């Protein structure tokens, strides 16, 4: 009887492991394909970001559409974190006026960006409107570029962007979503 119980538990464990492994392979396969098609996307960054999200949410993606939703959600979470960083930096008394003005603009850009990602999520999940989702994710991506570029426009007193790393990560996260949307578009 113990042997039978052991066999049943082993079979259940192995079937669960196989299911999770195949879902994890979805992340690896999709990130590999996306990074081959877009020079702005790092394969390692893509895999790490999505595995981390899957572990946090305990939800494993079953299909590419799940990865689009997951990647947009990860990007929104990152954008919310960046807004917190900007709000904190705006209170820093050591920044010059130019940096403070840029940070305020970035705060507005990231708020707009989160709104664009909400619109992308609704368009994608509700009506499978790939064009609208693509436009809104592109707008979110552009907001991070605009944020970074304004620091470069006029450097005063050797001030640099305190958001360079955050803008780069946000850009990459948006590229993941855009790449997956394009992959779905090419399949239909």
Protein backbone atom coordinates (compact mmCIF):
# COMPACT_ATOMS: atom_id res chain seq x y z
CA UNK A 1 0.00 0.00 0.00
CA UNK A 2 2.86 2.39 0.85
CA UNK A 3 4.48 1.64 -2.49
CA UNK A 4 1.24 2.47 -4.34
CA UNK A 5 0.92 5.74 -2.42
CA UNK A 6 4.55 6.56 -3.24
CA UNK A 7 3.98 5.84 -6.94
CA UNK A 8 0.86 8.03 -7.07
CA UNK A 9 2.58 10.92 -5.30
CA UNK A 10 5.59 10.57 -7.58
CA UNK A 11 3.42 10.62 -10.69
CA UNK A 12 1.58 13.71 -9.48
CA UNK A 13 4.86 15.44 -8.66
CA UNK A 14 6.39 14.58 -12.02
CA UNK A 15 3.31 15.70 -13.94
CA UNK A 16 3.33 19.01 -12.06
CA UNK A 17 7.06 19.40 -12.68
CA UNK A 18 6.63 18.66 -16.40
CA UNK A 19 3.78 21.17 -16.67
CA UNK A 20 5.79 23.89 -14.90
CA UNK A 21 8.89 23.10 -16.95
CA UNK A 22 6.97 23.41 -20.22
CA UNK A 23 5.49 26.70 -19.08
CA UNK A 24 8.92 27.93 -18.06
CA UNK A 25 10.16 26.85 -21.47
CA UNK A 26 7.55 29.21 -22.90
CA UNK A 27 9.39 32.09 -21.25
CA UNK A 28 12.76 30.89 -22.54
CA UNK A 29 11.50 30.22 -26.09
CA UNK A 30 9.58 33.49 -26.30
CA UNK A 31 12.44 35.59 -24.93
CA UNK A 32 14.88 33.89 -27.30
CA UNK A 33 12.67 34.64 -30.29
CA UNK A 34 11.96 38.19 -29.15
CA UNK A 35 15.64 38.99 -28.57
CA UNK A 36 16.55 37.65 -32.00
CA UNK A 37 13.97 39.94 -33.60
CA UNK A 38 14.79 43.08 -31.60
CA UNK A 39 18.35 44.33 -31.03
CA UNK A 40 17.09 46.50 -28.15
CA UNK A 41 16.09 43.46 -26.12
CA UNK A 42 18.44 41.48 -23.92
CA UNK A 43 17.57 37.79 -23.76
CA UNK A 44 18.89 37.46 -20.21
CA UNK A 45 16.95 40.51 -19.03
CA UNK A 46 13.75 39.17 -20.61
CA UNK A 47 14.04 35.72 -19.03
CA UNK A 48 15.03 37.06 -15.62
CA UNK A 49 12.23 39.64 -15.53
CA UNK A 50 9.54 37.16 -16.48
CA UNK A 51 10.77 34.34 -14.24
CA UNK A 52 10.85 36.77 -11.35
CA UNK A 53 7.30 37.87 -12.10
CA UNK A 54 6.10 34.28 -12.41
CA UNK A 55 7.66 33.41 -9.06
CA UNK A 56 6.17 36.45 -7.32
CA UNK A 57 2.67 35.89 -8.65
CA UNK A 58 2.91 32.09 -8.61
CA UNK A 59 1.22 32.18 -12.00
CA UNK A 60 2.89 30.34 -14.82
CA UNK A 61 2.13 31.56 -18.33
CA UNK A 62 0.48 28.97 -20.56
CA UNK A 63 0.62 30.84 -23.86
CA UNK A 64 2.21 33.89 -25.45
CA UNK A 65 -0.84 36.01 -24.68
CA UNK A 66 -0.20 35.38 -20.98
CA UNK A 67 3.33 36.68 -21.42
CA UNK A 68 2.04 39.92 -22.95
CA UNK A 69 -0.21 40.53 -19.96
CA UNK A 70 2.56 39.52 -17.55
CA UNK A 71 5.13 41.77 -19.20
CA UNK A 72 2.80 44.78 -19.20
CA UNK A 73 2.02 44.15 -15.54
CA UNK A 74 5.75 43.92 -14.70
CA UNK A 75 6.32 47.19 -16.55
CA UNK A 76 3.48 48.90 -14.67
CA UNK A 77 4.91 47.73 -11.36
CA UNK A 78 8.33 49.03 -12.33
CA UNK A 79 6.83 52.36 -13.43
CA UNK A 80 5.05 52.71 -10.10
CA UNK A 81 8.38 52.13 -8.36
CA UNK A 82 10.05 54.76 -10.55
CA UNK A 83 7.36 57.27 -9.61
CA UNK A 84 8.21 56.65 -5.95
CA UNK A 85 11.92 57.16 -6.68
CA UNK A 86 11.19 60.42 -8.52
CA UNK A 87 8.95 61.69 -5.73
CA UNK A 88 11.73 60.98 -3.23
CA UNK A 89 14.36 62.62 -5.46
CA UNK A 90 12.21 65.74 -5.83
CA UNK A 91 12.58 66.27 -2.09
CA UNK A 92 16.38 66.11 -2.35
CA UNK A 93 17.72 69.58 -1.63
CA UNK A 94 21.07 68.96 -3.36
CA UNK A 95 19.64 68.85 -6.89
CA UNK A 96 19.89 71.97 -9.01
CA UNK A 97 16.85 73.68 -10.51
CA UNK A 98 17.38 72.06 -13.91
CA UNK A 99 17.42 68.55 -12.44
CA UNK A 100 14.36 69.29 -10.32
CA UNK A 101 12.50 70.59 -13.38
CA UNK A 102 13.48 67.47 -15.32
CA UNK A 103 12.41 65.23 -12.45
CA UNK A 104 9.03 66.94 -12.31
CA UNK A 105 8.62 66.41 -16.06
CA UNK A 106 9.65 62.76 -15.62
CA UNK A 107 7.06 62.35 -12.87
CA UNK A 108 4.39 63.59 -15.28
CA UNK A 109 5.73 61.39 -18.08
CA UNK A 110 5.70 58.27 -15.92
CA UNK A 111 2.16 58.99 -14.71
CA UNK A 112 1.11 59.31 -18.35
CA UNK A 113 3.03 56.16 -19.14
CA UNK A 114 1.15 54.14 -16.53
CA UNK A 115 -2.10 55.38 -18.00
CA UNK A 116 -0.93 54.25 -21.45
CA UNK A 117 -0.07 50.82 -20.09
CA UNK A 118 -3.52 50.56 -18.48
CA UNK A 119 -5.03 51.36 -21.88
CA UNK A 120 -2.76 48.78 -23.53
CA UNK A 121 -3.82 46.13 -21.03
CA UNK A 122 -7.52 46.85 -21.61
CA UNK A 123 -7.11 46.83 -25.39
CA UNK A 124 -5.17 43.60 -25.32
CA UNK A 125 -7.15 41.66 -22.73
CA UNK A 126 -10.65 42.86 -23.58
CA UNK A 127 -10.75 43.08 -27.35
CA UNK A 128 -7.41 41.60 -28.46
CA UNK A 129 -6.79 44.92 -30.21
CA UNK A 130 -3.11 44.47 -30.99
CA UNK A 131 -2.78 47.81 -32.76
CA UNK A 132 -4.07 49.84 -29.81
CA UNK A 133 -2.02 47.80 -27.35
CA UNK A 134 1.08 48.34 -29.50
CA UNK A 135 0.48 52.10 -29.76
CA UNK A 136 0.03 52.46 -26.00
CA UNK A 137 3.06 50.38 -25.06
CA UNK A 138 5.10 52.38 -27.60
CA UNK A 139 3.91 55.59 -25.94
CA UNK A 140 5.02 54.27 -22.54
CA UNK A 141 8.41 53.37 -23.99
CA UNK A 142 8.78 56.84 -25.51
CA UNK A 143 8.05 58.44 -22.14
CA UNK A 144 11.14 56.83 -20.60
CA UNK A 145 13.28 57.97 -23.54
CA UNK A 146 11.89 61.51 -23.28
CA UNK A 147 12.61 61.54 -19.56
CA UNK A 148 16.24 60.58 -20.11
CA UNK A 149 16.76 62.87 -23.11
CA UNK A 150 15.70 66.01 -21.32
CA UNK A 151 18.57 65.65 -18.86
CA UNK A 152 20.98 65.59 -21.80
CA UNK A 153 19.52 68.68 -23.47
CA UNK A 154 21.06 71.15 -21.10
CA UNK A 155 23.71 70.08 -18.68
CA UNK A 156 24.44 72.54 -15.94
CA UNK A 157 27.19 72.15 -13.37
CA UNK A 158 27.93 68.61 -14.57
CA UNK A 159 24.52 67.41 -13.42
CA UNK A 160 23.48 64.08 -14.86
CA UNK A 161 20.25 62.16 -14.87
CA UNK A 162 19.63 60.38 -11.58
CA UNK A 163 17.24 58.08 -13.49
CA UNK A 164 19.46 56.65 -16.21
CA UNK A 165 19.33 53.08 -14.92
CA UNK A 166 15.60 53.23 -14.15
CA UNK A 167 14.82 54.66 -17.59
CA UNK A 168 16.86 51.92 -19.25
CA UNK A 169 15.12 49.12 -17.34
CA UNK A 170 11.70 50.61 -18.08
CA UNK A 171 12.60 50.90 -21.75
CA UNK A 172 13.66 47.23 -21.83
CA UNK A 173 10.47 46.10 -20.09
CA UNK A 174 8.37 47.92 -22.68
CA UNK A 175 10.43 46.36 -25.48
CA UNK A 176 9.55 42.92 -24.11
CA UNK A 177 5.83 43.70 -24.32
CA UNK A 178 6.16 45.18 -27.80
CA UNK A 179 8.13 42.17 -29.02
CA UNK A 180 5.54 39.72 -27.72
CA UNK A 181 2.70 41.73 -29.29
CA UNK A 182 4.56 41.62 -32.61
CA UNK A 183 5.08 37.87 -32.27
CA UNK A 184 1.33 37.40 -31.77
CA UNK A 185 0.60 39.66 -34.74
CA UNK A 186 2.83 37.55 -36.98
CA UNK A 187 1.06 34.36 -35.92
CA UNK A 188 -2.36 35.57 -37.06
